[in-house]
Protein backbone atom coordinates (compact mmCIF):
# COMPACT_ATOMS: atom_id res chain seq x y z
CA MET A 1 -62.71 -49.84 -31.92
CA SER A 2 -63.82 -53.36 -31.08
CA PHE A 3 -62.16 -53.03 -27.68
CA VAL A 4 -64.37 -50.05 -26.84
CA ARG A 5 -67.46 -51.92 -28.00
CA GLU A 6 -66.52 -54.98 -25.95
CA LEU A 7 -65.78 -52.84 -22.90
CA TRP A 8 -69.16 -51.12 -23.22
CA ARG A 9 -70.95 -54.49 -23.46
CA PHE A 10 -69.10 -55.68 -20.35
CA ILE A 11 -70.09 -52.55 -18.40
CA VAL A 12 -73.75 -52.89 -19.39
CA ALA A 13 -73.93 -56.67 -18.86
CA ARG A 14 -72.25 -56.61 -15.45
CA LYS A 15 -73.87 -53.31 -14.41
CA LYS A 16 -70.51 -51.77 -13.51
CA PHE A 17 -71.43 -48.20 -14.41
CA TRP A 18 -68.95 -46.84 -11.87
CA LEU A 19 -66.20 -47.75 -14.36
CA ILE A 20 -67.30 -45.03 -16.80
CA PRO A 21 -65.99 -42.05 -14.77
CA VAL A 22 -62.78 -43.95 -13.98
CA MET A 23 -62.14 -44.58 -17.68
CA LEU A 24 -62.93 -40.96 -18.56
CA VAL A 25 -60.51 -39.58 -15.97
CA MET A 26 -57.80 -41.98 -17.12
CA ALA A 27 -58.33 -40.94 -20.75
CA LEU A 28 -58.21 -37.24 -19.87
CA LEU A 29 -55.04 -37.58 -17.82
CA GLY A 30 -53.42 -39.68 -20.53
CA SER A 31 -54.26 -37.17 -23.25
CA LEU A 32 -53.01 -34.33 -21.05
CA ILE A 33 -49.67 -36.07 -20.61
CA VAL A 34 -49.36 -36.82 -24.32
CA LEU A 35 -50.23 -33.28 -25.37
CA ALA A 36 -47.90 -31.63 -22.84
CA GLU A 37 -44.96 -33.93 -23.45
CA GLY A 38 -42.96 -31.62 -25.66
CA SER A 39 -44.52 -28.24 -25.09
CA ALA A 40 -43.59 -25.22 -23.03
CA VAL A 41 -46.64 -25.79 -20.84
CA ALA A 42 -45.18 -29.02 -19.39
CA PRO A 43 -43.54 -27.42 -16.28
CA PHE A 44 -46.87 -25.87 -15.28
CA ILE A 45 -48.75 -29.16 -15.69
CA TYR A 46 -46.19 -31.04 -13.57
CA THR A 47 -46.81 -28.64 -10.68
CA LEU A 48 -50.44 -29.80 -10.58
CA PHE A 49 -49.36 -33.29 -9.62
């Protein structure tokens, strides 16, 4: 949790607010890959990419 807090302080201090959508998209794609790893939905997700 301290990593998230430190990252947030960096974004605010350096005014790099464009990093927020990048991090959100990366988190969503990562969670999608983790959730679909062993399921029957995996072949349908792989066709998206």
